[in-house]
Amino acid sequence: MKKRKAFTLAALFMAAASSLELSGYSWLDQSDGNNVLCDIDPSCRYLTNGEVDTLKTVFDDTLNYDSIKIFERSWFFGLDGLARNGLSRLGIDVESYRISNAIAPNGNIYLNSKKLRNGDLSANSSSSASLLHEATHVWQHQSGNDILKDAFEAWLHTGRNYKLAYKVDVNDNLDFADYKIEQQAKIVENWFKRRSSIREFMDKNTPLWDELLKPSEGIGATSERNEQYYNVLAEKCGDFEIWDTLLKTEFSPEGIPACEHPQIQSRINENPEP
């Protein structure tokens, strides 16, 4: 009798713990954004101010930032690894089954990669890109999507090669909403990477950009070196605008004023992207 009671209690405990883990502790979310379990779980934290600022470059006020938790560990006791091992034992080629650096299955973000567990994903452009990718899944979840169901359907649709789910053809002339969940996340990630590349390029060449802004001179009075800089900047901006235009069918992302400069725009128009 005692054994049966102990077994029942253990089963109930495991069921409750599993339910909490599956939901990312969401049952205990409070209106002020706090969560008692997250507060005592050393692997759980809330978004930093830098992460919120990074996310707002795309999502602005379309995300409930207070409800998002970051878990600096794998989801559900390392379910990704268990899934990979299970597929392998079933004789399925797991080389095409990529364990992501991070996942966001339930409105929260789980960091599988130790490289991302730095306490602030906005610390560098690489981890910021991962943050925006996963936050897109959070946005999808908050918009009513069943992320696990959609991911499973994508896995089946791609012939169990999930890498194909990330492929985006910007020449399809689709709106952002027409793409699948991983494609949407990839669009946001690609937009941010190109935006960061332009900002880093400009930071390294600040004097040349300052030269362009001189109203009395402009591009017409620049040196050959400056001309090369402006051509590269125009090429980068032209590529960025493709993703920016696509993203603007759903959001109001923060653009790059430099790319809107008339001199840069004229060069983009002279050499449009194919």
C-alpha atoms as a PDB file:
ATOM      1  CA  MET A   1       0.000   0.000   0.000  1.00  0.00           C
ATOM      2  CA  LYS A   2       2.799   2.386   0.949  1.00  0.00           C
ATOM      3  CA  LYS A   3       4.684   1.533  -2.244  1.00  0.00           C
ATOM      4  CA  ARG A   4       1.611   2.198  -4.357  1.00  0.00           C
ATOM      5  CA  LYS A   5       1.061   5.527  -2.616  1.00  0.00           C
ATOM      6  CA  ALA A   6       4.711   6.478  -3.077  1.00  0.00           C
ATOM      7  CA  PHE A   7       4.535   5.500  -6.743  1.00  0.00           C
ATOM      8  CA  THR A   8       1.376   7.561  -7.248  1.00  0.00           C
ATOM      9  CA  LEU A   9       2.923  10.590  -5.563  1.00  0.00           C
ATOM     10  CA  ALA A  10       6.082  10.220  -7.653  1.00  0.00           C
ATOM     11  CA  ALA A  11       4.026   9.935 -10.842  1.00  0.00           C
ATOM     12  CA  LEU A  12       2.018  13.038  -9.947  1.00  0.00           C
ATOM     13  CA  PHE A  13       5.206  14.937  -9.174  1.00  0.00           C
ATOM     14  CA  MET A  14       6.773  13.937 -12.481  1.00  0.00           C
ATOM     15  CA  ALA A  15       3.604  14.872 -14.366  1.00  0.00           C
ATOM     16  CA  ALA A  16       3.508  18.290 -12.715  1.00  0.00           C
ATOM     17  CA  ALA A  17       7.238  18.859 -13.283  1.00  0.00           C
ATOM     18  CA  SER A  18       6.955  17.797 -16.917  1.00  0.00           C
ATOM     19  CA  SER A  19       3.970  20.080 -17.471  1.00  0.00           C
ATOM     20  CA  LEU A  20       5.835  23.029 -15.982  1.00  0.00           C
ATOM     21  CA  GLU A  21       8.896  22.289 -18.097  1.00  0.00           C
ATOM     22  CA  LEU A  22       6.843  21.899 -21.265  1.00  0.00           C
ATOM     23  CA  SER A  23       5.228  25.283 -20.681  1.00  0.00           C
ATOM     24  CA  GLY A  24       8.400  27.069 -19.585  1.00  0.00           C
ATOM     25  CA  TYR A  25       6.930  27.719 -16.131  1.00  0.00           C
ATOM     26  CA  SER A  26       4.228  29.837 -17.785  1.00  0.00           C
ATOM     27  CA  TRP A  27       1.620  28.674 -15.260  1.00  0.00           C
ATOM     28  CA  LEU A  28       3.389  30.781 -12.676  1.00  0.00           C
ATOM     29  CA  ASP A  29       3.872  33.932 -14.742  1.00  0.00           C
ATOM     30  CA  GLN A  30       2.802  37.043 -12.862  1.00  0.00           C
ATOM     31  CA  SER A  31       1.408  40.261 -14.298  1.00  0.00           C
ATOM     32  CA  ASP A  32       4.603  42.139 -13.374  1.00  0.00           C
ATOM     33  CA  GLY A  33       6.703  39.749 -15.464  1.00  0.00           C
ATOM     34  CA  ASN A  34       8.138  37.793 -12.545  1.00  0.00           C
ATOM     35  CA  ASN A  35       7.951  34.035 -12.114  1.00  0.00           C
ATOM     36  CA  VAL A  36       8.664  32.331  -8.795  1.00  0.00           C
ATOM     37  CA  LEU A  37      10.215  29.234 -10.393  1.00  0.00           C
ATOM     38  CA  CYS A  38      12.394  31.275 -12.738  1.00  0.00           C
ATOM     39  CA  ASP A  39      13.569  33.278  -9.732  1.00  0.00           C
ATOM     40  CA  ILE A  40      14.895  30.134  -8.022  1.00  0.00           C
ATOM     41  CA  ASP A  41      16.080  28.275 -11.144  1.00  0.00           C
ATOM     42  CA  PRO A  42      19.718  29.312 -11.745  1.00  0.00           C
ATOM     43  CA  SER A  43      19.388  28.488 -15.449  1.00  0.00           C
ATOM     44  CA  CYS A  44      16.385  30.787 -15.911  1.00  0.00           C
ATOM     45  CA  ARG A  45      16.526  34.538 -16.405  1.00  0.00           C
ATOM     46  CA  TYR A  46      14.583  37.394 -17.941  1.00  0.00           C
ATOM     47  CA  LEU A  47      15.482  39.526 -20.947  1.00  0.00           C
ATOM     48  CA  THR A  48      18.173  42.128 -20.373  1.00  0.00           C
ATOM     49  CA  ASN A  49      17.614  45.745 -21.405  1.00  0.00           C
ATOM     50  CA  GLY A  50      20.065  45.210 -24.263  1.00  0.00           C
ATOM     51  CA  GLU A  51      18.149  42.177 -25.496  1.00  0.00           C
ATOM     52  CA  VAL A  52      14.856  44.082 -25.395  1.00  0.00           C
ATOM     53  CA  ASP A  53      16.418  46.948 -27.350  1.00  0.00           C
ATOM     54  CA  THR A  54      17.728  44.479 -29.940  1.00  0.00           C
ATOM     55  CA  LEU A  55      14.336  42.808 -30.313  1.00  0.00           C
ATOM     56  CA  LYS A  56      12.581  46.150 -30.674  1.00  0.00           C
ATOM     57  CA  THR A  57      14.558  46.844 -33.875  1.00  0.00           C
ATOM     58  CA  VAL A  58      12.146  44.388 -35.490  1.00  0.00           C
ATOM     59  CA  PHE A  59       9.205  43.638 -33.224  1.00  0.00           C
ATOM     60  CA  ASP A  60       8.711  47.022 -31.534  1.00  0.00           C
ATOM     61  CA  ASP A  61       5.558  46.636 -29.407  1.00  0.00           C
ATOM     62  CA  THR A  62       4.272  43.450 -31.083  1.00  0.00           C
ATOM     63  CA  LEU A  63       5.946  41.258 -28.445  1.00  0.00           C
ATOM     64  CA  ASN A  64       5.104  40.834 -24.774  1.00  0.00           C
ATOM     65  CA  TYR A  65       8.677  41.120 -23.524  1.00  0.00           C
ATOM     66  CA  ASP A  66       7.792  40.611 -19.856  1.00  0.00           C
ATOM     67  CA  SER A  67       6.551  37.075 -20.491  1.00  0.00           C
ATOM     68  CA  ILE A  68       9.731  35.882 -22.250  1.00  0.00           C
ATOM     69  CA  LYS A  69      12.217  33.844 -20.245  1.00  0.00           C
ATOM     70  CA  ILE A  70      15.697  32.755 -21.275  1.00  0.00           C
ATOM     71  CA  PHE A  71      16.800  29.303 -20.134  1.00  0.00           C
ATOM     72  CA  GLU A  72      20.549  28.851 -20.299  1.00  0.00           C
ATOM     73  CA  ARG A  73      20.151  25.101 -20.768  1.00  0.00           C
ATOM     74  CA  SER A  74      18.455  22.647 -23.114  1.00  0.00           C
ATOM     75  CA  TRP A  75      14.688  22.265 -23.135  1.00  0.00           C
ATOM     76  CA  PHE A  76      12.966  19.383 -21.374  1.00  0.00           C
ATOM     77  CA  PHE A  77      16.033  17.643 -20.029  1.00  0.00           C
ATOM     78  CA  GLY A  78      17.918  17.695 -23.315  1.00  0.00           C
ATOM     79  CA  LEU A  79      15.038  16.575 -25.547  1.00  0.00           C
ATOM     80  CA  ASP A  80      16.972  17.596 -28.684  1.00  0.00           C
ATOM     81  CA  GLY A  81      19.700  15.099 -27.911  1.00  0.00           C
ATOM     82  CA  LEU A  82      17.207  12.374 -27.020  1.00  0.00           C
ATOM     83  CA  ALA A  83      15.355  12.952 -30.284  1.00  0.00           C
ATOM     84  CA  ARG A  84      18.567  12.683 -32.276  1.00  0.00           C
ATOM     85  CA  ASN A  85      19.523   9.422 -30.563  1.00  0.00           C
ATOM     86  CA  GLY A  86      16.012   8.063 -31.033  1.00  0.00           C
ATOM     87  CA  LEU A  87      16.010   8.853 -34.757  1.00  0.00           C
ATOM     88  CA  SER A  88      19.390   7.189 -35.132  1.00  0.00           C
ATOM     89  CA  ARG A  89      18.172   3.997 -33.475  1.00  0.00           C
ATOM     90  CA  LEU A  90      15.199   3.946 -35.839  1.00  0.00           C
ATOM     91  CA  GLY A  91      17.618   3.902 -38.744  1.00  0.00           C
ATOM     92  CA  ILE A  92      16.877   7.506 -39.796  1.00  0.00           C
ATOM     93  CA  ASP A  93      19.720   9.574 -41.197  1.00  0.00           C
ATOM     94  CA  VAL A  94      20.428  12.076 -38.426  1.00  0.00           C
ATOM     95  CA  GLU A  95      23.044  14.016 -40.363  1.00  0.00           C
ATOM     96  CA  SER A  96      20.177  16.104 -41.747  1.00  0.00           C
ATOM     97  CA  TYR A  97      18.668  16.536 -38.284  1.00  0.00           C
ATOM     98  CA  ARG A  98      20.457  19.579 -36.931  1.00  0.00           C
ATOM     99  CA  ILE A  99      20.348  20.204 -33.212  1.00  0.00           C
ATOM    100  CA  SER A 100      19.824  23.943 -33.031  1.00  0.00           C
ATOM    101  CA  ASN A 101      21.991  26.243 -30.965  1.00  0.00           C
ATOM    102  CA  ALA A 102      18.755  27.486 -29.427  1.00  0.00           C
ATOM    103  CA  ILE A 103      15.047  26.700 -29.604  1.00  0.00           C
ATOM    104  CA  ALA A 104      11.835  28.473 -28.635  1.00  0.00           C
ATOM    105  CA  PRO A 105       9.054  25.860 -28.512  1.00  0.00           C
ATOM    106  CA  ASN A 106       6.744  27.462 -25.953  1.00  0.00           C
ATOM    107  CA  GLY A 107       7.182  31.222 -25.939  1.00  0.00           C
ATOM    108  CA  ASN A 108      10.520  31.046 -24.139  1.00  0.00           C
ATOM    109  CA  ILE A 109      14.060  30.621 -25.443  1.00  0.00           C
ATOM    110  CA  TYR A 110      16.317  27.689 -24.533  1.00  0.00           C
ATOM    111  CA  LEU A 111      20.043  27.909 -25.216  1.00  0.00           C
ATOM    112  CA  ASN A 112      21.410  24.515 -26.233  1.00  0.00           C
ATOM    113  CA  SER A 113      24.816  25.913 -27.140  1.00  0.00           C
ATOM    114  CA  LYS A 114      27.115  26.844 -24.270  1.00  0.00           C
ATOM    115  CA  LYS A 115      28.567  29.570 -26.487  1.00  0.00           C
ATOM    116  CA  LEU A 116      25.267  31.435 -26.208  1.00  0.00           C
ATOM    117  CA  ARG A 117      25.088  31.231 -22.434  1.00  0.00           C
ATOM    118  CA  ASN A 118      26.781  34.560 -21.885  1.00  0.00           C
ATOM    119  CA  GLY A 119      24.130  36.280 -19.786  1.00  0.00           C
ATOM    120  CA  ASP A 120      23.259  38.773 -22.528  1.00  0.00           C
ATOM    121  CA  LEU A 121      22.595  37.708 -26.113  1.00  0.00           C
ATOM    122  CA  SER A 122      22.836  41.315 -27.280  1.00  0.00           C
ATOM    123  CA  ALA A 123      26.543  41.348 -26.365  1.00  0.00           C
ATOM    124  CA  ASN A 124      27.606  40.668 -29.970  1.00  0.00           C
ATOM    125  CA  SER A 125      26.059  40.508 -33.437  1.00  0.00           C
ATOM    126  CA  SER A 126      26.293  36.713 -33.710  1.00  0.00           C
ATOM    127  CA  SER A 127      24.334  35.938 -30.544  1.00  0.00           C
ATOM    128  CA  SER A 128      21.954  38.839 -31.305  1.00  0.00           C
ATOM    129  CA  ALA A 129      21.109  37.168 -34.624  1.00  0.00           C
ATOM    130  CA  SER A 130      20.304  33.937 -32.742  1.00  0.00           C
ATOM    131  CA  LEU A 131      18.170  35.914 -30.296  1.00  0.00           C
ATOM    132  CA  LEU A 132      16.140  37.476 -33.111  1.00  0.00           C
ATOM    133  CA  HIS A 133      15.708  34.133 -34.863  1.00  0.00           C
ATOM    134  CA  GLU A 134      14.308  32.481 -31.742  1.00  0.00           C
ATOM    135  CA  ALA A 135      12.284  35.562 -30.783  1.00  0.00           C
ATOM    136  CA  THR A 136      10.500  35.191 -34.122  1.00  0.00           C
ATOM    137  CA  HIS A 137       9.254  31.821 -32.863  1.00  0.00           C
ATOM    138  CA  VAL A 138       8.189  33.546 -29.638  1.00  0.00           C
ATOM    139  CA  TRP A 139       6.259  36.088 -31.724  1.00  0.00           C
ATOM    140  CA  GLN A 140       4.667  33.217 -33.651  1.00  0.00           C
ATOM    141  CA  HIS A 141       3.729  31.517 -30.373  1.00  0.00           C
ATOM    142  CA  GLN A 142       2.244  34.714 -28.972  1.00  0.00           C
ATOM    143  CA  SER A 143       0.322  35.098 -32.239  1.00  0.00           C
ATOM    144  CA  GLY A 144      -1.333  31.703 -31.702  1.00  0.00           C
ATOM    145  CA  ASN A 145       0.920  29.298 -33.620  1.00  0.00           C
ATOM    146  CA  ASP A 146       1.602  25.805 -32.301  1.00  0.00           C
ATOM    147  CA  ILE A 147       5.370  25.792 -32.807  1.00  0.00           C
ATOM    148  CA  LEU A 148       5.938  22.096 -32.114  1.00  0.00           C
ATOM    149  CA  LYS A 149       3.138  21.060 -34.479  1.00  0.00           C
ATOM    150  CA  ASP A 150       4.361  23.409 -37.216  1.00  0.00           C
ATOM    151  CA  ALA A 151       7.952  22.216 -36.780  1.00  0.00           C
ATOM    152  CA  PHE A 152       6.898  18.567 -37.039  1.00  0.00           C
ATOM    153  CA  GLU A 153       4.909  19.298 -40.194  1.00  0.00           C
ATOM    154  CA  ALA A 154       7.926  21.105 -41.659  1.00  0.00           C
ATOM    155  CA  TRP A 155      10.108  18.112 -40.853  1.00  0.00           C
ATOM    156  CA  LEU A 156       7.713  15.807 -42.705  1.00  0.00           C
ATOM    157  CA  HIS A 157       7.269  18.247 -45.607  1.00  0.00           C
ATOM    158  CA  THR A 158      11.036  18.456 -46.171  1.00  0.00           C
ATOM    159  CA  GLY A 159      11.424  14.699 -46.289  1.00  0.00           C
ATOM    160  CA  ARG A 160      12.835  14.623 -42.747  1.00  0.00           C
ATOM    161  CA  ASN A 161      15.611  17.006 -43.759  1.00  0.00           C
ATOM    162  CA  TYR A 162      14.847  19.937 -41.490  1.00  0.00           C
ATOM    163  CA  LYS A 163      17.659  22.067 -42.907  1.00  0.00           C
ATOM    164  CA  LEU A 164      15.480  22.604 -45.980  1.00  0.00           C
ATOM    165  CA  ALA A 165      12.846  24.303 -43.808  1.00  0.00           C
ATOM    166  CA  TYR A 166      15.125  27.338 -43.471  1.00  0.00           C
ATOM    167  CA  LYS A 167      15.447  28.009 -47.202  1.00  0.00           C
ATOM    168  CA  VAL A 168      14.009  31.332 -48.360  1.00  0.00           C
ATOM    169  CA  ASP A 169      13.669  32.521 -51.959  1.00  0.00           C
ATOM    170  CA  VAL A 170      13.198  36.296 -51.835  1.00  0.00           C
ATOM    171  CA  ASN A 171      12.237  36.235 -55.528  1.00  0.00           C
ATOM    172  CA  ASP A 172       8.959  34.473 -54.732  1.00  0.00           C
ATOM    173  CA  ASN A 173       7.262  37.873 -54.234  1.00  0.00           C
ATOM    174  CA  LEU A 174       5.544  36.688 -51.062  1.00  0.00           C
ATOM    175  CA  ASP A 175       4.661  38.660 -47.961  1.00  0.00           C
ATOM    176  CA  PHE A 176       6.290  37.761 -44.657  1.00  0.00           C
ATOM    177  CA  ALA A 177       3.070  36.112 -43.456  1.00  0.00           C
ATOM    178  CA  ASP A 178       3.125  33.711 -46.434  1.00  0.00           C
ATOM    179  CA  TYR A 179       6.308  31.977 -45.261  1.00  0.00           C
ATOM    180  CA  LYS A 180       6.562  29.037 -42.848  1.00  0.00           C
ATOM    181  CA  ILE A 181       7.834  29.392 -39.287  1.00  0.00           C
ATOM    182  CA  GLU A 182      11.523  28.645 -39.933  1.00  0.00           C
ATOM    183  CA  GLN A 183      11.533  30.756 -43.075  1.00  0.00           C
ATOM    184  CA  GLN A 184      10.124  33.701 -41.142  1.00  0.00           C
ATOM    185  CA  ALA A 185      12.776  33.284 -38.462  1.00  0.00           C
ATOM    186  CA  LYS A 186      15.473  33.072 -41.140  1.00  0.00           C
ATOM    187  CA  ILE A 187      14.198  36.258 -42.794  1.00  0.00           C
ATOM    188  CA  VAL A 188      14.491  38.155 -39.509  1.00  0.00           C
ATOM    189  CA  GLU A 189      17.932  36.663 -38.873  1.00  0.00           C
ATOM    190  CA  ASN A 190      19.180  37.518 -42.369  1.00  0.00           C
ATOM    191  CA  TRP A 191      17.820  41.056 -42.077  1.00  0.00           C
ATOM    192  CA  PHE A 192      19.703  41.597 -38.824  1.00  0.00           C
ATOM    193  CA  LYS A 193      22.949  40.093 -40.106  1.00  0.00           C
ATOM    194  CA  ARG A 194      22.955  42.426 -43.100  1.00  0.00           C
ATOM    195  CA  ARG A 195      22.064  45.398 -40.945  1.00  0.00           C
ATOM    196  CA  SER A 196      24.906  44.569 -38.549  1.00  0.00           C
ATOM    197  CA  SER A 197      27.335  44.107 -41.443  1.00  0.00           C
ATOM    198  CA  ILE A 198      26.548  47.591 -42.737  1.00  0.00           C
ATOM    199  CA  ARG A 199      26.881  49.184 -39.309  1.00  0.00           C
ATOM    200  CA  GLU A 200      30.217  47.461 -38.699  1.00  0.00           C
ATOM    201  CA  PHE A 201      31.454  48.479 -42.150  1.00  0.00           C
ATOM    202  CA  MET A 202      30.519  52.086 -41.493  1.00  0.00           C
ATOM    203  CA  ASP A 203      32.123  52.075 -38.036  1.00  0.00           C
ATOM    204  CA  LYS A 204      35.407  51.004 -39.610  1.00  0.00           C
ATOM    205  CA  ASN A 205      35.186  53.750 -42.232  1.00  0.00           C
ATOM    206  CA  THR A 206      33.718  56.671 -40.301  1.00  0.00           C
ATOM    207  CA  PRO A 207      35.942  59.342 -41.951  1.00  0.00           C
ATOM    208  CA  LEU A 208      34.790  58.248 -45.406  1.00  0.00           C
ATOM    209  CA  TRP A 209      31.141  58.413 -44.411  1.00  0.00           C
ATOM    210  CA  ASP A 210      31.707  61.873 -42.918  1.00  0.00           C
ATOM    211  CA  GLU A 211      33.185  62.903 -46.271  1.00  0.00           C
ATOM    212  CA  LEU A 212      30.005  61.859 -48.062  1.00  0.00           C
ATOM    213  CA  LEU A 213      27.897  63.992 -45.744  1.00  0.00           C
ATOM    214  CA  LYS A 214      29.775  67.191 -46.619  1.00  0.00           C
ATOM    215  CA  PRO A 215      27.188  69.171 -48.602  1.00  0.00           C
ATOM    216  CA  SER A 216      29.807  71.131 -50.532  1.00  0.00           C
ATOM    217  CA  GLU A 217      31.572  68.051 -51.823  1.00  0.00           C
ATOM    218  CA  GLY A 218      29.615  64.817 -51.739  1.00  0.00           C
ATOM    219  CA  ILE A 219      30.524  61.854 -53.889  1.00  0.00           C
ATOM    220  CA  GLY A 220      31.498  63.982 -56.878  1.00  0.00           C
ATOM    221  CA  ALA A 221      34.597  65.292 -55.085  1.00  0.00           C
ATOM    222  CA  THR A 222      35.775  62.050 -53.526  1.00  0.00           C
ATOM    223  CA  SER A 223      38.969  60.152 -54.035  1.00  0.00           C
ATOM    224  CA  GLU A 224      39.232  56.749 -55.695  1.00  0.00           C
ATOM    225  CA  ARG A 225      39.364  55.136 -52.256  1.00  0.00           C
ATOM    226  CA  ASN A 226      36.182  56.898 -51.235  1.00  0.00           C
ATOM    227  CA  GLU A 227      34.499  55.848 -54.458  1.00  0.00           C
ATOM    228  CA  GLN A 228      35.285  52.224 -53.657  1.00  0.00           C
ATOM    229  CA  TYR A 229      33.849  52.653 -50.165  1.00  0.00           C
ATOM    230  CA  TYR A 230      30.607  54.156 -51.445  1.00  0.00           C
ATOM    231  CA  ASN A 231      30.241  51.407 -54.028  1.00  0.00           C
ATOM    232  CA  VAL A 232      30.636  48.723 -51.372  1.00  0.00           C
ATOM    233  CA  LEU A 233      28.193  50.516 -49.080  1.00  0.00           C
ATOM    234  CA  ALA A 234      25.654  50.826 -51.907  1.00  0.00           C
ATOM    235  CA  GLU A 235      26.021  47.107 -52.667  1.00  0.00           C
ATOM    236  CA  LYS A 236      25.479  46.193 -49.016  1.00  0.00           C
ATOM    237  CA  CYS A 237      22.501  48.540 -48.749  1.00  0.00           C
ATOM    238  CA  GLY A 238      20.969  47.121 -51.920  1.00  0.00           C
ATOM    239  CA  ASP A 239      21.151  43.602 -50.487  1.00  0.00           C
ATOM    240  CA  PHE A 240      19.790  44.803 -47.146  1.00  0.00           C
ATOM    241  CA  GLU A 241      16.832  46.522 -48.793  1.00  0.00           C
ATOM    242  CA  ILE A 242      15.620  43.230 -50.279  1.00  0.00           C
ATOM    243  CA  TRP A 243      15.195  41.729 -46.800  1.00  0.00           C
ATOM    244  CA  ASP A 244      14.035  45.014 -45.303  1.00  0.00           C
ATOM    245  CA  THR A 245      11.251  45.339 -47.887  1.00  0.00           C
ATOM    246  CA  LEU A 246      10.109  41.790 -47.145  1.00  0.00           C
ATOM    247  CA  LEU A 247      10.150  42.372 -43.402  1.00  0.00           C
ATOM    248  CA  LYS A 248       8.134  45.570 -43.788  1.00  0.00           C
ATOM    249  CA  THR A 249       5.169  43.557 -45.053  1.00  0.00           C
ATOM    250  CA  GLU A 250       4.631  42.553 -41.386  1.00  0.00           C
ATOM    251  CA  PHE A 251       6.690  44.850 -39.134  1.00  0.00           C
ATOM    252  CA  SER A 252       8.169  48.340 -39.002  1.00  0.00           C
ATOM    253  CA  PRO A 253      11.865  47.477 -38.571  1.00  0.00           C
ATOM    254  CA  GLU A 254      14.527  50.061 -37.796  1.00  0.00           C
ATOM    255  CA  GLY A 255      16.317  50.834 -41.020  1.00  0.00           C
ATOM    256  CA  ILE A 256      19.720  52.379 -41.707  1.00  0.00           C
ATOM    257  CA  PRO A 257      19.641  56.107 -42.517  1.00  0.00           C
ATOM    258  CA  ALA A 258      22.900  55.804 -44.455  1.00  0.00           C
ATOM    259  CA  CYS A 259      21.203  53.517 -46.963  1.00  0.00           C
ATOM    260  CA  GLU A 260      18.545  56.167 -47.563  1.00  0.00           C
ATOM    261  CA  HIS A 261      21.113  58.843 -48.452  1.00  0.00           C
ATOM    262  CA  PRO A 262      20.396  60.132 -52.003  1.00  0.00           C
ATOM    263  CA  GLN A 263      23.938  59.440 -53.161  1.00  0.00           C
ATOM    264  CA  ILE A 264      23.749  55.821 -51.983  1.00  0.00           C
ATOM    265  CA  GLN A 265      20.249  55.370 -53.380  1.00  0.00           C
ATOM    266  CA  SER A 266      21.387  56.636 -56.788  1.00  0.00           C
ATOM    267  CA  ARG A 267      24.099  53.994 -56.865  1.00  0.00           C
ATOM    268  CA  ILE A 268      21.685  51.279 -55.820  1.00  0.00           C
ATOM    269  CA  ASN A 269      19.338  52.300 -58.638  1.00  0.00           C
ATOM    270  CA  GLU A 270      22.209  52.260 -61.122  1.00  0.00           C
ATOM    271  CA  ASN A 271      23.083  48.697 -60.139  1.00  0.00           C
ATOM    272  CA  PRO A 272      19.892  47.048 -58.873  1.00  0.00           C
ATOM    273  CA  GLU A 273      20.038  43.611 -57.301  1.00  0.00           C
ATOM    274  CA  PRO A 274      18.980  40.828 -59.696  1.00  0.00           C
END
